[in-house]
PDB file of N, CA and C in Angstrom:
ATOM      1  N   MET A   1      41.251  32.027  64.631  1.00  0.00           N
ATOM      2  CA  MET A   1      41.720  30.671  64.597  1.00  0.00           C
ATOM      3  C   MET A   1      40.565  29.688  64.682  1.00  0.00           C
ATOM      4  N   ASP A   2      39.438  30.131  65.170  1.00  0.00           N
ATOM      5  CA  ASP A   2      38.278  29.243  65.249  1.00  0.00           C
ATOM      6  C   ASP A   2      37.766  28.876  63.860  1.00  0.00           C
ATOM      7  N   ALA A   3      37.993  29.762  62.879  1.00  0.00           N
ATOM      8  CA  ALA A   3      37.493  29.514  61.533  1.00  0.00           C
ATOM      9  C   ALA A   3      38.156  28.296  60.893  1.00  0.00           C
ATOM     10  N   ASP A   4      39.461  28.134  61.108  1.00  0.00           N
ATOM     11  CA  ASP A   4      40.187  27.004  60.532  1.00  0.00           C
ATOM     12  C   ASP A   4      41.337  26.618  61.465  1.00  0.00           C
ATOM     13  N   PRO A   5      41.110  25.712  62.398  1.00  0.00           N
ATOM     14  CA  PRO A   5      42.148  25.352  63.365  1.00  0.00           C
ATOM     15  C   PRO A   5      43.319  24.576  62.767  1.00  0.00           C
ATOM     16  N   THR A   6      43.230  24.200  61.486  1.00  0.00           N
ATOM     17  CA  THR A   6      44.331  23.477  60.852  1.00  0.00           C
ATOM     18  C   THR A   6      45.245  24.392  60.040  1.00  0.00           C
ATOM     19  N   ASN A   7      44.935  25.668  59.979  1.00  0.00           N
ATOM     20  CA  ASN A   7      45.716  26.624  59.198  1.00  0.00           C
ATOM     21  C   ASN A   7      46.843  27.192  60.064  1.00  0.00           C
ATOM     22  N   PRO A   8      48.120  26.942  59.723  1.00  0.00           N
ATOM     23  CA  PRO A   8      49.231  27.425  60.549  1.00  0.00           C
ATOM     24  C   PRO A   8      49.449  28.936  60.452  1.00  0.00           C
ATOM     25  N   HIS A   9      48.854  29.574  59.456  1.00  0.00           N
ATOM     26  CA  HIS A   9      49.062  31.014  59.286  1.00  0.00           C
ATOM     27  C   HIS A   9      48.408  31.825  60.403  1.00  0.00           C
ATOM     28  N   PHE A  10      47.302  31.349  60.923  1.00  0.00           N
ATOM     29  CA  PHE A  10      46.616  32.091  61.987  1.00  0.00           C
ATOM     30  C   PHE A  10      47.455  32.186  63.256  1.00  0.00           C
ATOM     31  N   PRO A  11      47.939  31.064  63.822  1.00  0.00           N
ATOM     32  CA  PRO A  11      48.764  31.210  65.025  1.00  0.00           C
ATOM     33  C   PRO A  11      50.092  31.913  64.737  1.00  0.00           C
ATOM     34  N   CYS A  12      50.613  31.749  63.530  1.00  0.00           N
ATOM     35  CA  CYS A  12      51.872  32.419  63.190  1.00  0.00           C
ATOM     36  C   CYS A  12      51.684  33.936  63.140  1.00  0.00           C
ATOM     37  N   ASN A  13      50.590  34.375  62.548  1.00  0.00           N
ATOM     38  CA  ASN A  13      50.312  35.818  62.501  1.00  0.00           C
ATOM     39  C   ASN A  13      50.051  36.369  63.902  1.00  0.00           C
ATOM     40  N   ARG A  14      49.379  35.578  64.727  1.00  0.00           N
ATOM     41  CA  ARG A  14      49.141  36.034  66.099  1.00  0.00           C
ATOM     42  C   ARG A  14      50.454  36.079  66.884  1.00  0.00           C
ATOM     43  N   ALA A  15      51.366  35.138  66.610  1.00  0.00           N
ATOM     44  CA  ALA A  15      52.686  35.172  67.248  1.00  0.00           C
ATOM     45  C   ALA A  15      53.428  36.452  66.862  1.00  0.00           C
ATOM     46  N   HIS A  16      53.296  36.842  65.603  1.00  0.00           N
ATOM     47  CA  HIS A  16      53.913  38.098  65.155  1.00  0.00           C
ATOM     48  C   HIS A  16      53.348  39.288  65.937  1.00  0.00           C
ATOM     49  N   ALA A  17      52.048  39.320  66.106  1.00  0.00           N
ATOM     50  CA  ALA A  17      51.422  40.413  66.859  1.00  0.00           C
ATOM     51  C   ALA A  17      51.886  40.406  68.322  1.00  0.00           C
ATOM     52  N   HIS A  18      51.951  39.232  68.934  1.00  0.00           N
ATOM     53  CA  HIS A  18      52.414  39.150  70.317  1.00  0.00           C
ATOM     54  C   HIS A  18      53.877  39.570  70.441  1.00  0.00           C
ATOM     55  N   ASN A  19      54.710  39.200  69.469  1.00  0.00           N
ATOM     56  CA  ASN A  19      56.103  39.653  69.493  1.00  0.00           C
ATOM     57  C   ASN A  19      56.169  41.169  69.427  1.00  0.00           C
ATOM     58  N   HIS A  20      55.354  41.753  68.574  1.00  0.00           N
ATOM     59  CA  HIS A  20      55.330  43.211  68.426  1.00  0.00           C
ATOM     60  C   HIS A  20      54.904  43.890  69.729  1.00  0.00           C
ATOM     61  N   LEU A  21      53.983  43.246  70.463  1.00  0.00           N
ATOM     62  CA  LEU A  21      53.509  43.796  71.741  1.00  0.00           C
ATOM     63  C   LEU A  21      54.388  43.377  72.925  1.00  0.00           C
ATOM     64  N   GLU A  22      55.460  42.637  72.629  1.00  0.00           N
ATOM     65  CA  GLU A  22      56.402  42.147  73.633  1.00  0.00           C
ATOM     66  C   GLU A  22      55.769  41.155  74.606  1.00  0.00           C
ATOM     67  N   ASN A  23      54.751  40.433  74.151  1.00  0.00           N
ATOM     68  CA  ASN A  23      54.151  39.331  74.909  1.00  0.00           C
ATOM     69  C   ASN A  23      54.832  38.040  74.439  1.00  0.00           C
ATOM     70  N   TYR A  24      56.083  37.879  74.844  1.00  0.00           N
ATOM     71  CA  TYR A  24      56.910  36.818  74.273  1.00  0.00           C
ATOM     72  C   TYR A  24      56.439  35.414  74.646  1.00  0.00           C
ATOM     73  N   GLY A  25      55.891  35.213  75.820  1.00  0.00           N
ATOM     74  CA  GLY A  25      55.400  33.894  76.206  1.00  0.00           C
ATOM     75  C   GLY A  25      54.252  33.448  75.314  1.00  0.00           C
ATOM     76  N   GLN A  26      53.321  34.359  75.044  1.00  0.00           N
ATOM     77  CA  GLN A  26      52.195  34.032  74.175  1.00  0.00           C
ATOM     78  C   GLN A  26      52.653  33.865  72.727  1.00  0.00           C
ATOM     79  N   ALA A  27      53.634  34.668  72.324  1.00  0.00           N
ATOM     80  CA  ALA A  27      54.174  34.545  70.969  1.00  0.00           C
ATOM     81  C   ALA A  27      54.834  33.187  70.782  1.00  0.00           C
ATOM     82  N   LEU A  28      55.569  32.750  71.795  1.00  0.00           N
ATOM     83  CA  LEU A  28      56.224  31.445  71.729  1.00  0.00           C
ATOM     84  C   LEU A  28      55.194  30.323  71.609  1.00  0.00           C
ATOM     85  N   ALA A  29      54.139  30.391  72.392  1.00  0.00           N
ATOM     86  CA  ALA A  29      53.097  29.359  72.339  1.00  0.00           C
ATOM     87  C   ALA A  29      52.430  29.313  70.959  1.00  0.00           C
ATOM     88  N   ASP A  30      52.143  30.467  70.393  1.00  0.00           N
ATOM     89  CA  ASP A  30      51.507  30.500  69.072  1.00  0.00           C
ATOM     90  C   ASP A  30      52.454  30.017  67.975  1.00  0.00           C
ATOM     91  N   ALA A  31      53.718  30.391  68.072  1.00  0.00           N
ATOM     92  CA  ALA A  31      54.695  29.940  67.069  1.00  0.00           C
ATOM     93  C   ALA A  31      54.852  28.423  67.128  1.00  0.00           C
ATOM     94  N   GLU A  32      54.895  27.882  68.332  1.00  0.00           N
ATOM     95  CA  GLU A  32      55.000  26.423  68.462  1.00  0.00           C
ATOM     96  C   GLU A  32      53.751  25.732  67.922  1.00  0.00           C
ATOM     97  N   ALA A  33      52.588  26.349  68.101  1.00  0.00           N
ATOM     98  CA  ALA A  33      51.353  25.782  67.544  1.00  0.00           C
ATOM     99  C   ALA A  33      51.411  25.773  66.015  1.00  0.00           C
ATOM    100  N   ALA A  34      51.934  26.851  65.436  1.00  0.00           N
ATOM    101  CA  ALA A  34      52.059  26.921  63.973  1.00  0.00           C
ATOM    102  C   ALA A  34      53.039  25.863  63.468  1.00  0.00           C
ATOM    103  N   ILE A  35      54.143  25.659  64.186  1.00  0.00           N
ATOM    104  CA  ILE A  35      55.122  24.649  63.791  1.00  0.00           C
ATOM    105  C   ILE A  35      54.520  23.252  63.898  1.00  0.00           C
ATOM    106  N   ALA A  36      53.714  23.030  64.934  1.00  0.00           N
ATOM    107  CA  ALA A  36      53.066  21.723  65.086  1.00  0.00           C
ATOM    108  C   ALA A  36      52.104  21.445  63.933  1.00  0.00           C
ATOM    109  N   LEU A  37      51.427  22.484  63.454  1.00  0.00           N
ATOM    110  CA  LEU A  37      50.493  22.322  62.338  1.00  0.00           C
ATOM    111  C   LEU A  37      51.211  22.134  61.009  1.00  0.00           C
ATOM    112  N   SER A  38      52.369  22.807  60.861  1.00  0.00           N
ATOM    113  CA  SER A  38      53.120  22.732  59.600  1.00  0.00           C
ATOM    114  C   SER A  38      54.613  22.824  59.890  1.00  0.00           C
ATOM    115  N   PRO A  39      55.280  21.683  60.075  1.00  0.00           N
ATOM    116  CA  PRO A  39      56.701  21.692  60.433  1.00  0.00           C
ATOM    117  C   PRO A  39      57.611  22.339  59.389  1.00  0.00           C
ATOM    118  N   GLY A  40      57.150  22.508  58.177  1.00  0.00           N
ATOM    119  CA  GLY A  40      57.964  23.134  57.139  1.00  0.00           C
ATOM    120  C   GLY A  40      57.742  24.620  56.989  1.00  0.00           C
ATOM    121  N   TYR A  41      56.955  25.219  57.852  1.00  0.00           N
ATOM    122  CA  TYR A  41      56.613  26.638  57.735  1.00  0.00           C
ATOM    123  C   TYR A  41      57.734  27.474  58.349  1.00  0.00           C
ATOM    124  N   ALA A  42      58.650  27.944  57.503  1.00  0.00           N
ATOM    125  CA  ALA A  42      59.857  28.638  57.960  1.00  0.00           C
ATOM    126  C   ALA A  42      59.541  29.899  58.760  1.00  0.00           C
ATOM    127  N   LYS A  43      58.492  30.607  58.390  1.00  0.00           N
ATOM    128  CA  LYS A  43      58.156  31.849  59.092  1.00  0.00           C
ATOM    129  C   LYS A  43      57.790  31.576  60.551  1.00  0.00           C
ATOM    130  N   ALA A  44      57.208  30.429  60.828  1.00  0.00           N
ATOM    131  CA  ALA A  44      56.864  30.083  62.214  1.00  0.00           C
ATOM    132  C   ALA A  44      58.130  29.925  63.056  1.00  0.00           C
ATOM    133  N   TYR A  45      59.186  29.385  62.448  1.00  0.00           N
ATOM    134  CA  TYR A  45      60.459  29.272  63.158  1.00  0.00           C
ATOM    135  C   TYR A  45      61.027  30.658  63.469  1.00  0.00           C
ATOM    136  N   LEU A  46      60.876  31.578  62.534  1.00  0.00           N
ATOM    137  CA  LEU A  46      61.329  32.946  62.764  1.00  0.00           C
ATOM    138  C   LEU A  46      60.572  33.566  63.933  1.00  0.00           C
ATOM    139  N   ARG A  47      59.260  33.386  63.970  1.00  0.00           N
ATOM    140  CA  ARG A  47      58.455  33.941  65.065  1.00  0.00           C
ATOM    141  C   ARG A  47      58.872  33.330  66.407  1.00  0.00           C
ATOM    142  N   LYS A  48      59.132  32.025  66.416  1.00  0.00           N
ATOM    143  CA  LYS A  48      59.543  31.359  67.651  1.00  0.00           C
ATOM    144  C   LYS A  48      60.904  31.882  68.108  1.00  0.00           C
ATOM    145  N   ALA A  49      61.835  31.994  67.181  1.00  0.00           N
ATOM    146  CA  ALA A  49      63.171  32.486  67.539  1.00  0.00           C
ATOM    147  C   ALA A  49      63.110  33.923  68.049  1.00  0.00           C
ATOM    148  N   LYS A  50      62.277  34.739  67.436  1.00  0.00           N
ATOM    149  CA  LYS A  50      62.152  36.127  67.876  1.00  0.00           C
ATOM    150  C   LYS A  50      61.571  36.192  69.293  1.00  0.00           C
ATOM    151  N   ALA A  51      60.614  35.324  69.600  1.00  0.00           N
ATOM    152  CA  ALA A  51      60.047  35.280  70.952  1.00  0.00           C
ATOM    153  C   ALA A  51      61.110  34.838  71.958  1.00  0.00           C
ATOM    154  N   LEU A  52      61.875  33.811  71.605  1.00  0.00           N
ATOM    155  CA  LEU A  52      62.938  33.344  72.498  1.00  0.00           C
ATOM    156  C   LEU A  52      63.984  34.430  72.707  1.00  0.00           C
ATOM    157  N   LYS A  53      64.322  35.132  71.649  1.00  0.00           N
ATOM    158  CA  LYS A  53      65.280  36.239  71.749  1.00  0.00           C
ATOM    159  C   LYS A  53      64.743  37.318  72.683  1.00  0.00           C
ATOM    160  N   GLY A  54      63.465  37.633  72.556  1.00  0.00           N
ATOM    161  CA  GLY A  54      62.850  38.631  73.429  1.00  0.00           C
ATOM    162  C   GLY A  54      62.834  38.207  74.885  1.00  0.00           C
ATOM    163  N   MET A  55      62.812  36.891  75.116  1.00  0.00           N
ATOM    164  CA  MET A  55      62.829  36.358  76.477  1.00  0.00           C
ATOM    165  C   MET A  55      64.260  36.254  77.017  1.00  0.00           C
ATOM    166  N   GLY A  56      65.239  36.601  76.179  1.00  0.00           N
ATOM    167  CA  GLY A  56      66.630  36.529  76.599  1.00  0.00           C
ATOM    168  C   GLY A  56      67.258  35.156  76.456  1.00  0.00           C
ATOM    169  N   ARG A  57      66.595  34.262  75.764  1.00  0.00           N
ATOM    170  CA  ARG A  57      67.097  32.890  75.585  1.00  0.00           C
ATOM    171  C   ARG A  57      67.820  32.799  74.236  1.00  0.00           C
ATOM    172  N   MET A  58      69.004  33.420  74.179  1.00  0.00           N
ATOM    173  CA  MET A  58      69.738  33.561  72.924  1.00  0.00           C
ATOM    174  C   MET A  58      70.188  32.221  72.332  1.00  0.00           C
ATOM    175  N   LYS A  59      70.678  31.311  73.165  1.00  0.00           N
ATOM    176  CA  LYS A  59      71.131  30.008  72.638  1.00  0.00           C
ATOM    177  C   LYS A  59      69.970  29.250  72.005  1.00  0.00           C
ATOM    178  N   ASP A  60      68.826  29.263  72.671  1.00  0.00           N
ATOM    179  CA  ASP A  60      67.651  28.586  72.114  1.00  0.00           C
ATOM    180  C   ASP A  60      67.204  29.258  70.824  1.00  0.00           C
ATOM    181  N   ALA A  61      67.244  30.589  70.809  1.00  0.00           N
ATOM    182  CA  ALA A  61      66.855  31.327  69.602  1.00  0.00           C
ATOM    183  C   ALA A  61      67.775  30.968  68.438  1.00  0.00           C
ATOM    184  N   LEU A  62      69.066  30.877  68.708  1.00  0.00           N
ATOM    185  CA  LEU A  62      70.015  30.527  67.660  1.00  0.00           C
ATOM    186  C   LEU A  62      69.720  29.141  67.100  1.00  0.00           C
ATOM    187  N   ARG A  63      69.406  28.191  67.958  1.00  0.00           N
ATOM    188  CA  ARG A  63      69.063  26.828  67.496  1.00  0.00           C
ATOM    189  C   ARG A  63      67.814  26.856  66.605  1.00  0.00           C
ATOM    190  N   VAL A  64      66.840  27.661  66.991  1.00  0.00           N
ATOM    191  CA  VAL A  64      65.602  27.737  66.205  1.00  0.00           C
ATOM    192  C   VAL A  64      65.864  28.429  64.867  1.00  0.00           C
ATOM    193  N   TYR A  65      66.711  29.477  64.867  1.00  0.00           N
ATOM    194  CA  TYR A  65      67.055  30.136  63.599  1.00  0.00           C
ATOM    195  C   TYR A  65      67.709  29.149  62.640  1.00  0.00           C
ATOM    196  N   GLN A  66      68.459  28.196  63.168  1.00  0.00           N
ATOM    197  CA  GLN A  66      69.147  27.233  62.324  1.00  0.00           C
ATOM    198  C   GLN A  66      68.246  26.064  61.924  1.00  0.00           C
ATOM    199  N   ALA A  67      67.108  25.900  62.554  1.00  0.00           N
ATOM    200  CA  ALA A  67      66.227  24.757  62.272  1.00  0.00           C
ATOM    201  C   ALA A  67      65.820  24.659  60.802  1.00  0.00           C
ATOM    202  N   PRO A  68      65.436  25.756  60.120  1.00  0.00           N
ATOM    203  CA  PRO A  68      65.076  25.603  58.707  1.00  0.00           C
ATOM    204  C   PRO A  68      66.253  25.198  57.833  1.00  0.00           C
ATOM    205  N   LEU A  69      67.474  25.320  58.336  1.00  0.00           N
ATOM    206  CA  LEU A  69      68.644  24.925  57.558  1.00  0.00           C
ATOM    207  C   LEU A  69      68.871  23.425  57.604  1.00  0.00           C
ATOM    208  N   ARG A  70      68.135  22.716  58.460  1.00  0.00           N
ATOM    209  CA  ARG A  70      68.267  21.263  58.575  1.00  0.00           C
ATOM    210  C   ARG A  70      67.151  20.586  57.781  1.00  0.00           C
ATOM    211  N   PRO A  71      67.318  20.405  56.481  1.00  0.00           N
ATOM    212  CA  PRO A  71      66.233  19.881  55.659  1.00  0.00           C
ATOM    213  C   PRO A  71      65.796  18.467  56.006  1.00  0.00           C
ATOM    214  N   ARG A  72      66.648  17.651  56.609  1.00  0.00           N
ATOM    215  CA  ARG A  72      66.251  16.281  56.928  1.00  0.00           C
ATOM    216  C   ARG A  72      65.136  16.232  57.963  1.00  0.00           C
ATOM    217  N   ALA A  73      64.979  17.286  58.761  1.00  0.00           N
ATOM    218  CA  ALA A  73      63.955  17.296  59.799  1.00  0.00           C
ATOM    219  C   ALA A  73      62.577  17.658  59.238  1.00  0.00           C
ATOM    220  N   LEU A  74      62.526  18.077  57.983  1.00  0.00           N
ATOM    221  CA  LEU A  74      61.287  18.550  57.392  1.00  0.00           C
ATOM    222  C   LEU A  74      60.812  17.594  56.290  1.00  0.00           C
ATOM    223  N   PRO A  75      59.528  17.603  55.997  1.00  0.00           N
ATOM    224  CA  PRO A  75      59.037  16.819  54.859  1.00  0.00           C
ATOM    225  C   PRO A  75      59.697  17.317  53.567  1.00  0.00           C
ATOM    226  N   PRO A  76      59.881  16.467  52.553  1.00  0.00           N
ATOM    227  CA  PRO A  76      60.646  16.847  51.351  1.00  0.00           C
ATOM    228  C   PRO A  76      60.256  18.157  50.673  1.00  0.00           C
ATOM    229  N   PRO A  77      58.982  18.444  50.347  1.00  0.00           N
ATOM    230  CA  PRO A  77      58.698  19.727  49.689  1.00  0.00           C
ATOM    231  C   PRO A  77      59.012  20.914  50.595  1.00  0.00           C
ATOM    232  N   ALA A  78      58.713  20.776  51.881  1.00  0.00           N
ATOM    233  CA  ALA A  78      59.001  21.857  52.812  1.00  0.00           C
ATOM    234  C   ALA A  78      60.500  22.027  52.979  1.00  0.00           C
ATOM    235  N   ALA A  79      61.243  20.946  52.943  1.00  0.00           N
ATOM    236  CA  ALA A  79      62.699  21.010  53.076  1.00  0.00           C
ATOM    237  C   ALA A  79      63.300  21.807  51.925  1.00  0.00           C
ATOM    238  N   ARG A  80      62.809  21.573  50.726  1.00  0.00           N
ATOM    239  CA  ARG A  80      63.337  22.328  49.580  1.00  0.00           C
ATOM    240  C   ARG A  80      63.006  23.807  49.703  1.00  0.00           C
ATOM    241  N   ARG A  81      61.771  24.117  50.135  1.00  0.00           N
ATOM    242  CA  ARG A  81      61.381  25.517  50.322  1.00  0.00           C
ATOM    243  C   ARG A  81      62.225  26.177  51.397  1.00  0.00           C
ATOM    244  N   ALA A  82      62.407  25.484  52.524  1.00  0.00           N
ATOM    245  CA  ALA A  82      63.176  26.049  53.633  1.00  0.00           C
ATOM    246  C   ALA A  82      64.630  26.248  53.233  1.00  0.00           C
ATOM    247  N   ALA A  83      65.196  25.299  52.515  1.00  0.00           N
ATOM    248  CA  ALA A  83      66.590  25.421  52.098  1.00  0.00           C
ATOM    249  C   ALA A  83      66.769  26.577  51.128  1.00  0.00           C
ATOM    250  N   ALA A  84      65.756  26.837  50.311  1.00  0.00           N
ATOM    251  CA  ALA A  84      65.846  27.936  49.351  1.00  0.00           C
ATOM    252  C   ALA A  84      65.681  29.298  50.012  1.00  0.00           C
ATOM    253  N   THR A  85      64.851  29.380  51.045  1.00  0.00           N
ATOM    254  CA  THR A  85      64.566  30.682  51.657  1.00  0.00           C
ATOM    255  C   THR A  85      65.387  30.963  52.901  1.00  0.00           C
ATOM    256  N   ALA A  86      65.919  29.950  53.550  1.00  0.00           N
ATOM    257  CA  ALA A  86      66.607  30.151  54.825  1.00  0.00           C
ATOM    258  C   ALA A  86      67.787  31.107  54.748  1.00  0.00           C
ATOM    259  N   PRO A  87      68.637  31.065  53.716  1.00  0.00           N
ATOM    260  CA  PRO A  87      69.779  31.979  53.715  1.00  0.00           C
ATOM    261  C   PRO A  87      69.389  33.456  53.698  1.00  0.00           C
ATOM    262  N   THR A  88      68.223  33.778  53.149  1.00  0.00           N
ATOM    263  CA  THR A  88      67.820  35.174  53.085  1.00  0.00           C
ATOM    264  C   THR A  88      66.776  35.537  54.135  1.00  0.00           C
ATOM    265  N   LEU A  89      66.367  34.576  54.943  1.00  0.00           N
ATOM    266  CA  LEU A  89      65.282  34.781  55.889  1.00  0.00           C
ATOM    267  C   LEU A  89      65.726  35.667  57.041  1.00  0.00           C
ATOM    268  N   HIS A  90      65.403  36.930  56.939  1.00  0.00           N
ATOM    269  CA  HIS A  90      65.672  37.899  57.997  1.00  0.00           C
ATOM    270  C   HIS A  90      67.113  37.812  58.516  1.00  0.00           C
ATOM    271  N   ALA A  91      68.061  37.995  57.620  1.00  0.00           N
ATOM    272  CA  ALA A  91      69.481  37.890  57.962  1.00  0.00           C
ATOM    273  C   ALA A  91      69.890  38.911  59.019  1.00  0.00           C
ATOM    274  N   THR A  92      69.305  40.081  59.011  1.00  0.00           N
ATOM    275  CA  THR A  92      69.693  41.084  60.002  1.00  0.00           C
ATOM    276  C   THR A  92      69.267  40.667  61.410  1.00  0.00           C
ATOM    277  N   VAL A  93      68.112  40.025  61.540  1.00  0.00           N
ATOM    278  CA  VAL A  93      67.679  39.549  62.850  1.00  0.00           C
ATOM    279  C   VAL A  93      68.608  38.435  63.323  1.00  0.00           C
ATOM    280  N   PHE A  94      68.999  37.576  62.409  1.00  0.00           N
ATOM    281  CA  PHE A  94      69.911  36.485  62.738  1.00  0.00           C
ATOM    282  C   PHE A  94      71.258  37.041  63.211  1.00  0.00           C
ATOM    283  N   ARG A  95      71.800  38.032  62.491  1.00  0.00           N
ATOM    284  CA  ARG A  95      73.074  38.634  62.894  1.00  0.00           C
ATOM    285  C   ARG A  95      72.945  39.328  64.239  1.00  0.00           C
ATOM    286  N   SER A  96      71.795  39.937  64.483  1.00  0.00           N
ATOM    287  CA  SER A  96      71.565  40.593  65.769  1.00  0.00           C
ATOM    288  C   SER A  96      71.591  39.582  66.902  1.00  0.00           C
ATOM    289  N   CYS A  97      70.984  38.424  66.675  1.00  0.00           N
ATOM    290  CA  CYS A  97      70.990  37.365  67.687  1.00  0.00           C
ATOM    291  C   CYS A  97      72.413  36.878  67.931  1.00  0.00           C
ATOM    292  N   LEU A  98      73.170  36.694  66.863  1.00  0.00           N
ATOM    293  CA  LEU A  98      74.556  36.261  67.010  1.00  0.00           C
ATOM    294  C   LEU A  98      75.383  37.282  67.778  1.00  0.00           C
ATOM    295  N   ALA A  99      75.156  38.548  67.497  1.00  0.00           N
ATOM    296  CA  ALA A  99      75.928  39.596  68.157  1.00  0.00           C
ATOM    297  C   ALA A  99      75.664  39.631  69.654  1.00  0.00           C
ATOM    298  N   ARG A 100      74.454  39.258  70.072  1.00  0.00           N
ATOM    299  CA  ARG A 100      74.110  39.299  71.489  1.00  0.00           C
ATOM    300  C   ARG A 100      74.352  37.968  72.206  1.00  0.00           C
ATOM    301  N   CYS A 101      74.691  36.937  71.453  1.00  0.00           N
ATOM    302  CA  CYS A 101      74.893  35.611  72.033  1.00  0.00           C
ATOM    303  C   CYS A 101      76.158  35.599  72.890  1.00  0.00           C
ATOM    304  N   PRO A 102      76.075  35.138  74.139  1.00  0.00           N
ATOM    305  CA  PRO A 102      77.249  35.120  75.011  1.00  0.00           C
ATOM    306  C   PRO A 102      78.397  34.287  74.445  1.00  0.00           C
ATOM    307  N   LEU A 103      78.088  33.264  73.676  1.00  0.00           N
ATOM    308  CA  LEU A 103      79.150  32.445  73.086  1.00  0.00           C
ATOM    309  C   LEU A 103      79.959  33.229  72.062  1.00  0.00           C
ATOM    310  N   MET A 104      79.304  34.132  71.353  1.00  0.00           N
ATOM    311  CA  MET A 104      80.004  34.920  70.343  1.00  0.00           C
ATOM    312  C   MET A 104      80.886  35.984  70.981  1.00  0.00           C
ATOM    313  N   SER A 105      80.473  36.540  72.109  1.00  0.00           N
ATOM    314  CA  SER A 105      81.254  37.603  72.733  1.00  0.00           C
ATOM    315  C   SER A 105      82.515  37.065  73.391  1.00  0.00           C
ATOM    316  N   ALA A 106      82.596  35.753  73.617  1.00  0.00           N
ATOM    317  CA  ALA A 106      83.781  35.172  74.243  1.00  0.00           C
ATOM    318  C   ALA A 106      84.928  35.024  73.253  1.00  0.00           C
ATOM    319  N   ARG A 107      84.658  35.078  71.965  1.00  0.00           N
ATOM    320  CA  ARG A 107      85.694  34.921  70.955  1.00  0.00           C
ATOM    321  C   ARG A 107      86.400  36.251  70.716  1.00  0.00           C
ATOM    322  N   PRO A 108      87.660  36.205  70.312  1.00  0.00           N
ATOM    323  CA  PRO A 108      88.361  37.453  69.983  1.00  0.00           C
ATOM    324  C   PRO A 108      87.686  38.150  68.812  1.00  0.00           C
ATOM    325  N   SER A 109      87.723  39.443  68.806  1.00  0.00           N
ATOM    326  CA  SER A 109      87.040  40.200  67.763  1.00  0.00           C
ATOM    327  C   SER A 109      87.625  39.919  66.390  1.00  0.00           C
ATOM    328  N   SER A 110      88.929  39.607  66.289  1.00  0.00           N
ATOM    329  CA  SER A 110      89.524  39.325  64.986  1.00  0.00           C
ATOM    330  C   SER A 110      88.938  38.054  64.387  1.00  0.00           C
ATOM    331  N   ALA A 111      88.639  37.057  65.220  1.00  0.00           N
ATOM    332  CA  ALA A 111      88.030  35.818  64.719  1.00  0.00           C
ATOM    333  C   ALA A 111      86.627  36.075  64.207  1.00  0.00           C
ATOM    334  N   ARG A 112      85.897  36.937  64.908  1.00  0.00           N
ATOM    335  CA  ARG A 112      84.542  37.254  64.449  1.00  0.00           C
ATOM    336  C   ARG A 112      84.597  38.049  63.160  1.00  0.00           C
ATOM    337  N   ALA A 113      85.542  38.970  63.053  1.00  0.00           N
ATOM    338  CA  ALA A 113      85.647  39.802  61.856  1.00  0.00           C
ATOM    339  C   ALA A 113      85.991  38.967  60.625  1.00  0.00           C
ATOM    340  N   SER A 114      86.811  37.928  60.792  1.00  0.00           N
ATOM    341  CA  SER A 114      87.189  37.107  59.649  1.00  0.00           C
ATOM    342  C   SER A 114      85.999  36.329  59.097  1.00  0.00           C
ATOM    343  N   ARG A 115      84.991  36.090  59.928  1.00  0.00           N
ATOM    344  CA  ARG A 115      83.791  35.391  59.462  1.00  0.00           C
ATOM    345  C   ARG A 115      82.705  36.361  59.027  1.00  0.00           C
ATOM    346  N   GLY A 116      82.947  37.646  59.133  1.00  0.00           N
ATOM    347  CA  GLY A 116      81.954  38.625  58.707  1.00  0.00           C
ATOM    348  C   GLY A 116      80.946  38.989  59.758  1.00  0.00           C
ATOM    349  N   VAL A 117      81.140  38.572  61.021  1.00  0.00           N
ATOM    350  CA  VAL A 117      80.215  38.898  62.113  1.00  0.00           C
ATOM    351  C   VAL A 117      80.596  40.251  62.663  1.00  0.00           C
ATOM    352  N   ARG A 118      79.621  41.122  62.825  1.00  0.00           N
ATOM    353  CA  ARG A 118      79.900  42.471  63.330  1.00  0.00           C
ATOM    354  C   ARG A 118      79.433  42.620  64.742  1.00  0.00           C
TER     355      ARG A 118
END
């Protein structure tokens, strides 16, 4: 990161490594740094949500997973990119977060099944 402190890919890649090593606090800090450098970088939101999920903060993780779906919060070119990639962005991780979310478990299983949630 010393080579180019303005490049969001460096902290985002380090957040990925920290998530893999289960160092979720450090992963969260790096993901937030990447988002601060480039608010339209959808992968940084994924890294942040994964860190929050690892910390057991499911509601916060769900909000972060939905952040790229809110194009008004992003600069116009990034908003178009995020809107195009968000529906396919690690859908299995998103479903996993939903399945573990306490709000989802409170609903009857038939209601979840009708929406396709497993």
